[in-house]
N, C-alpha and C. Protein backbone atom coordinates (compact mmCIF):
# COMPACT_ATOMS: atom_id res chain seq x y z
N MET A 1 -6.40 22.47 -41.00
CA MET A 1 -5.03 22.53 -40.56
C MET A 1 -4.94 22.47 -39.03
N LEU A 2 -6.02 22.76 -38.36
CA LEU A 2 -6.00 22.74 -36.91
C LEU A 2 -6.01 21.32 -36.36
N GLY A 3 -6.46 20.36 -37.15
CA GLY A 3 -6.52 18.99 -36.67
C GLY A 3 -7.77 18.79 -35.84
N VAL A 4 -7.86 17.62 -35.27
CA VAL A 4 -9.04 17.27 -34.49
C VAL A 4 -8.83 17.75 -33.06
N ILE A 5 -9.81 18.44 -32.55
CA ILE A 5 -9.76 18.90 -31.16
C ILE A 5 -10.75 18.06 -30.38
N ARG A 6 -10.31 17.56 -29.24
CA ARG A 6 -11.15 16.69 -28.43
C ARG A 6 -12.43 17.40 -28.01
N ASP A 7 -13.43 16.58 -27.69
CA ASP A 7 -14.70 17.08 -27.18
C ASP A 7 -14.41 17.87 -25.91
N SER A 8 -14.86 19.10 -25.88
CA SER A 8 -14.55 19.96 -24.74
C SER A 8 -15.76 20.21 -23.86
N ARG A 9 -16.73 19.30 -23.93
CA ARG A 9 -17.90 19.50 -23.08
C ARG A 9 -17.48 19.40 -21.61
N PRO A 10 -18.06 20.24 -20.78
CA PRO A 10 -17.67 20.25 -19.36
C PRO A 10 -18.08 18.96 -18.67
N GLU A 11 -17.26 18.54 -17.70
CA GLU A 11 -17.53 17.31 -16.96
C GLU A 11 -18.13 17.58 -15.58
N SER A 12 -17.81 18.70 -14.99
CA SER A 12 -18.32 18.99 -13.65
C SER A 12 -19.19 20.25 -13.70
N ASP A 13 -19.91 20.48 -12.59
CA ASP A 13 -20.76 21.67 -12.51
C ASP A 13 -19.92 22.94 -12.62
N GLU A 14 -18.75 22.92 -11.98
CA GLU A 14 -17.87 24.10 -12.01
C GLU A 14 -17.42 24.37 -13.44
N GLU A 15 -17.03 23.30 -14.14
CA GLU A 15 -16.62 23.47 -15.54
C GLU A 15 -17.80 23.95 -16.37
N LEU A 16 -19.00 23.47 -16.05
CA LEU A 16 -20.18 23.88 -16.79
C LEU A 16 -20.40 25.38 -16.66
N GLU A 17 -20.21 25.91 -15.44
CA GLU A 17 -20.36 27.35 -15.24
C GLU A 17 -19.31 28.11 -16.05
N ASP A 18 -18.06 27.65 -15.99
CA ASP A 18 -17.00 28.30 -16.77
C ASP A 18 -17.30 28.22 -18.26
N PHE A 19 -17.77 27.07 -18.70
CA PHE A 19 -18.08 26.86 -20.11
C PHE A 19 -19.22 27.79 -20.53
N SER A 20 -20.24 27.90 -19.69
CA SER A 20 -21.37 28.78 -20.00
C SER A 20 -20.91 30.23 -20.10
N ASP A 21 -20.03 30.63 -19.18
CA ASP A 21 -19.51 31.99 -19.23
C ASP A 21 -18.76 32.23 -20.53
N MET A 22 -18.02 31.25 -20.98
CA MET A 22 -17.23 31.40 -22.20
C MET A 22 -18.14 31.53 -23.43
N GLN A 23 -19.28 30.86 -23.39
CA GLN A 23 -20.17 30.89 -24.54
C GLN A 23 -20.70 32.30 -24.80
N ASP A 24 -20.79 33.09 -23.74
CA ASP A 24 -21.32 34.44 -23.87
C ASP A 24 -20.27 35.43 -24.38
N LEU A 25 -19.02 35.05 -24.34
CA LEU A 25 -17.96 35.98 -24.71
C LEU A 25 -17.80 36.10 -26.21
N ASP A 26 -17.51 37.28 -26.62
CA ASP A 26 -17.19 37.57 -28.01
C ASP A 26 -15.72 37.25 -28.21
N PRO A 27 -15.33 36.62 -29.34
CA PRO A 27 -13.91 36.31 -29.56
C PRO A 27 -13.01 37.52 -29.37
N GLN A 28 -13.49 38.70 -29.74
CA GLN A 28 -12.67 39.90 -29.58
C GLN A 28 -12.41 40.18 -28.10
N CYS A 29 -13.43 39.95 -27.26
CA CYS A 29 -13.25 40.18 -25.83
C CYS A 29 -12.30 39.14 -25.24
N MET A 30 -12.38 37.90 -25.74
CA MET A 30 -11.53 36.83 -25.23
C MET A 30 -10.07 37.08 -25.56
N VAL A 31 -9.81 37.65 -26.72
CA VAL A 31 -8.44 37.94 -27.13
C VAL A 31 -7.93 39.15 -26.38
N GLY A 32 -8.81 40.08 -26.11
CA GLY A 32 -8.43 41.26 -25.34
C GLY A 32 -7.69 42.29 -26.16
N GLU A 33 -7.85 42.26 -27.45
CA GLU A 33 -7.18 43.22 -28.31
C GLU A 33 -8.21 43.86 -29.23
N ASP A 34 -7.84 44.98 -29.78
CA ASP A 34 -8.72 45.66 -30.72
C ASP A 34 -8.45 45.08 -32.12
N VAL A 35 -9.10 43.96 -32.40
CA VAL A 35 -8.92 43.29 -33.69
C VAL A 35 -10.29 42.96 -34.27
N SER A 36 -10.29 42.61 -35.53
CA SER A 36 -11.56 42.24 -36.17
C SER A 36 -12.01 40.88 -35.62
N PRO A 37 -13.30 40.58 -35.74
CA PRO A 37 -13.79 39.28 -35.27
C PRO A 37 -13.06 38.11 -35.94
N GLU A 38 -12.75 38.26 -37.22
CA GLU A 38 -12.05 37.19 -37.94
C GLU A 38 -10.65 36.99 -37.38
N GLU A 39 -9.96 38.11 -37.12
CA GLU A 39 -8.62 38.02 -36.55
C GLU A 39 -8.66 37.43 -35.14
N ALA A 40 -9.67 37.84 -34.37
CA ALA A 40 -9.81 37.32 -33.01
C ALA A 40 -10.05 35.82 -33.05
N LEU A 41 -10.90 35.38 -33.95
CA LEU A 41 -11.19 33.96 -34.07
C LEU A 41 -9.94 33.19 -34.50
N GLU A 42 -9.18 33.75 -35.42
CA GLU A 42 -7.94 33.11 -35.87
C GLU A 42 -6.94 33.02 -34.71
N ILE A 43 -6.84 34.06 -33.90
CA ILE A 43 -5.95 34.04 -32.74
C ILE A 43 -6.38 32.95 -31.76
N LEU A 44 -7.68 32.84 -31.54
CA LEU A 44 -8.18 31.81 -30.63
C LEU A 44 -7.91 30.42 -31.18
N HIS A 45 -8.09 30.24 -32.49
CA HIS A 45 -7.80 28.95 -33.11
C HIS A 45 -6.32 28.61 -32.97
N GLN A 46 -5.46 29.59 -33.16
CA GLN A 46 -4.02 29.36 -33.03
C GLN A 46 -3.68 28.96 -31.59
N GLU A 47 -4.29 29.64 -30.65
CA GLU A 47 -4.04 29.31 -29.24
C GLU A 47 -4.55 27.91 -28.91
N ALA A 48 -5.71 27.56 -29.44
CA ALA A 48 -6.25 26.21 -29.22
C ALA A 48 -5.31 25.17 -29.82
N TYR A 49 -4.76 25.46 -30.99
CA TYR A 49 -3.83 24.54 -31.64
C TYR A 49 -2.55 24.39 -30.81
N ARG A 50 -2.02 25.52 -30.32
CA ARG A 50 -0.82 25.46 -29.47
C ARG A 50 -1.10 24.66 -28.19
N CYS A 51 -2.28 24.86 -27.65
CA CYS A 51 -2.66 24.13 -26.43
C CYS A 51 -2.73 22.64 -26.73
N MET A 52 -3.31 22.29 -27.87
CA MET A 52 -3.41 20.89 -28.27
C MET A 52 -2.01 20.29 -28.44
N LEU A 53 -1.09 21.05 -29.04
CA LEU A 53 0.29 20.57 -29.21
C LEU A 53 0.97 20.37 -27.86
N ARG A 54 0.76 21.31 -26.93
CA ARG A 54 1.35 21.18 -25.59
C ARG A 54 0.83 19.92 -24.90
N GLU A 55 -0.48 19.68 -25.01
CA GLU A 55 -1.07 18.49 -24.40
C GLU A 55 -0.48 17.23 -25.02
N LYS A 56 -0.33 17.24 -26.33
CA LYS A 56 0.23 16.08 -27.02
C LYS A 56 1.67 15.84 -26.57
N GLU A 57 2.46 16.90 -26.48
CA GLU A 57 3.84 16.77 -26.02
C GLU A 57 3.90 16.22 -24.60
N GLU A 58 3.00 16.70 -23.75
CA GLU A 58 2.97 16.23 -22.37
C GLU A 58 2.60 14.75 -22.32
N GLU A 59 1.62 14.35 -23.14
CA GLU A 59 1.23 12.94 -23.19
C GLU A 59 2.39 12.09 -23.69
N GLU A 60 3.13 12.59 -24.67
CA GLU A 60 4.28 11.85 -25.19
C GLU A 60 5.38 11.73 -24.13
N ARG A 61 5.61 12.81 -23.38
CA ARG A 61 6.60 12.76 -22.29
C ARG A 61 6.19 11.74 -21.24
N GLU A 62 4.90 11.76 -20.87
CA GLU A 62 4.41 10.81 -19.88
C GLU A 62 4.54 9.38 -20.38
N ALA A 63 4.24 9.16 -21.66
CA ALA A 63 4.37 7.82 -22.24
C ALA A 63 5.83 7.38 -22.23
N GLN A 64 6.73 8.29 -22.55
CA GLN A 64 8.16 7.96 -22.54
C GLN A 64 8.63 7.63 -21.12
N LEU A 65 8.18 8.41 -20.14
CA LEU A 65 8.55 8.13 -18.75
C LEU A 65 8.02 6.76 -18.32
N GLU A 66 6.80 6.44 -18.73
CA GLU A 66 6.22 5.14 -18.40
C GLU A 66 7.02 4.01 -19.03
N LYS A 67 7.44 4.20 -20.28
CA LYS A 67 8.27 3.18 -20.94
C LYS A 67 9.58 3.00 -20.18
N GLU A 68 10.18 4.11 -19.77
CA GLU A 68 11.44 4.04 -19.03
C GLU A 68 11.26 3.33 -17.69
N ARG A 69 10.14 3.63 -17.00
CA ARG A 69 9.87 2.95 -15.73
C ARG A 69 9.69 1.45 -15.94
N GLU A 70 8.93 1.10 -16.99
CA GLU A 70 8.71 -0.32 -17.27
C GLU A 70 10.02 -1.01 -17.63
N ALA A 71 10.86 -0.34 -18.41
CA ALA A 71 12.15 -0.92 -18.78
C ALA A 71 13.02 -1.12 -17.54
N GLN A 72 13.01 -0.15 -16.64
CA GLN A 72 13.79 -0.26 -15.40
C GLN A 72 13.27 -1.41 -14.54
N LEU A 73 11.95 -1.54 -14.43
CA LEU A 73 11.38 -2.64 -13.65
C LEU A 73 11.74 -3.98 -14.26
N GLU A 74 11.69 -4.07 -15.58
CA GLU A 74 12.05 -5.31 -16.27
C GLU A 74 13.53 -5.65 -16.04
N LYS A 75 14.37 -4.64 -16.11
CA LYS A 75 15.81 -4.84 -15.86
C LYS A 75 16.03 -5.36 -14.44
N GLU A 76 15.36 -4.74 -13.46
CA GLU A 76 15.50 -5.16 -12.07
C GLU A 76 14.99 -6.59 -11.88
N ARG A 77 13.88 -6.92 -12.55
CA ARG A 77 13.33 -8.27 -12.45
C ARG A 77 14.32 -9.30 -12.99
N LYS A 78 14.91 -9.00 -14.15
CA LYS A 78 15.89 -9.92 -14.74
C LYS A 78 17.12 -10.06 -13.85
N GLU A 79 17.56 -8.96 -13.25
CA GLU A 79 18.70 -9.02 -12.34
C GLU A 79 18.39 -9.89 -11.13
N ARG A 80 17.17 -9.75 -10.58
CA ARG A 80 16.77 -10.58 -9.43
C ARG A 80 16.73 -12.06 -9.83
N GLU A 81 16.16 -12.33 -11.02
CA GLU A 81 16.10 -13.71 -11.50
C GLU A 81 17.50 -14.28 -11.68
N ALA A 82 18.40 -13.50 -12.24
CA ALA A 82 19.78 -13.96 -12.44
C ALA A 82 20.45 -14.23 -11.10
N GLN A 83 20.22 -13.35 -10.13
CA GLN A 83 20.81 -13.54 -8.80
C GLN A 83 20.25 -14.79 -8.14
N LEU A 84 18.94 -15.00 -8.25
CA LEU A 84 18.33 -16.20 -7.67
C LEU A 84 18.88 -17.46 -8.34
N GLU A 85 19.06 -17.41 -9.63
CA GLU A 85 19.61 -18.56 -10.36
C GLU A 85 21.03 -18.85 -9.90
N LYS A 86 21.84 -17.82 -9.71
CA LYS A 86 23.21 -18.01 -9.21
C LYS A 86 23.18 -18.65 -7.82
N GLU A 87 22.27 -18.15 -6.97
CA GLU A 87 22.17 -18.70 -5.62
C GLU A 87 21.75 -20.17 -5.65
N ARG A 88 20.80 -20.51 -6.54
CA ARG A 88 20.36 -21.91 -6.66
C ARG A 88 21.52 -22.79 -7.13
N GLU A 89 22.24 -22.31 -8.13
CA GLU A 89 23.38 -23.07 -8.65
C GLU A 89 24.45 -23.26 -7.57
N ALA A 90 24.71 -22.22 -6.80
CA ALA A 90 25.70 -22.32 -5.72
C ALA A 90 25.25 -23.34 -4.68
N LYS A 91 23.97 -23.32 -4.35
CA LYS A 91 23.44 -24.26 -3.36
C LYS A 91 23.54 -25.69 -3.88
N LEU A 92 23.19 -25.89 -5.14
CA LEU A 92 23.30 -27.23 -5.74
C LEU A 92 24.75 -27.71 -5.75
N GLU A 93 25.66 -26.81 -6.06
CA GLU A 93 27.08 -27.15 -6.07
C GLU A 93 27.55 -27.54 -4.67
N GLU A 94 27.10 -26.81 -3.65
CA GLU A 94 27.46 -27.15 -2.27
C GLU A 94 26.92 -28.52 -1.89
N GLU A 95 25.66 -28.79 -2.28
CA GLU A 95 25.06 -30.09 -1.98
C GLU A 95 25.82 -31.21 -2.69
N ARG A 96 26.22 -30.99 -3.92
CA ARG A 96 26.96 -31.99 -4.69
C ARG A 96 28.31 -32.27 -4.01
N LYS A 97 28.99 -31.19 -3.60
CA LYS A 97 30.28 -31.35 -2.91
C LYS A 97 30.10 -32.10 -1.59
N ALA A 98 29.02 -31.79 -0.87
CA ALA A 98 28.76 -32.46 0.41
C ALA A 98 28.51 -33.94 0.19
N GLN A 99 27.78 -34.29 -0.87
CA GLN A 99 27.52 -35.70 -1.17
C GLN A 99 28.80 -36.43 -1.56
N LEU A 100 29.68 -35.74 -2.30
CA LEU A 100 30.94 -36.36 -2.68
C LEU A 100 31.81 -36.63 -1.45
N LYS A 101 31.78 -35.73 -0.46
CA LYS A 101 32.56 -35.92 0.76
C LYS A 101 32.06 -37.11 1.57
N MET A 102 30.75 -37.34 1.53
CA MET A 102 30.17 -38.44 2.29
C MET A 102 30.58 -39.79 1.71
N ARG A 103 30.88 -39.86 0.47
CA ARG A 103 31.23 -41.13 -0.17
C ARG A 103 32.58 -41.52 0.17
């Protein structure tokens, strides 16, 4: 029910030290309450699951923001293209009128 938890191996020396320190801790000490080892482990699993959900929500928010940024950039690009097209058409119309006047 906890789902898949990403590989949590440390990446830096500092993380390695923190990770090593954590390996020595008893789940009961990590929870900081007077509970049975099974209860402490369950509390830690629940916290890990909540942490995983928070990370997932944050990733989803970031993905949504990225989509919104891309949509805004695309909208701006289309607006620029439309403006350039209007300017080209106006210039062509001016040139056509100028040629008609010369005749």
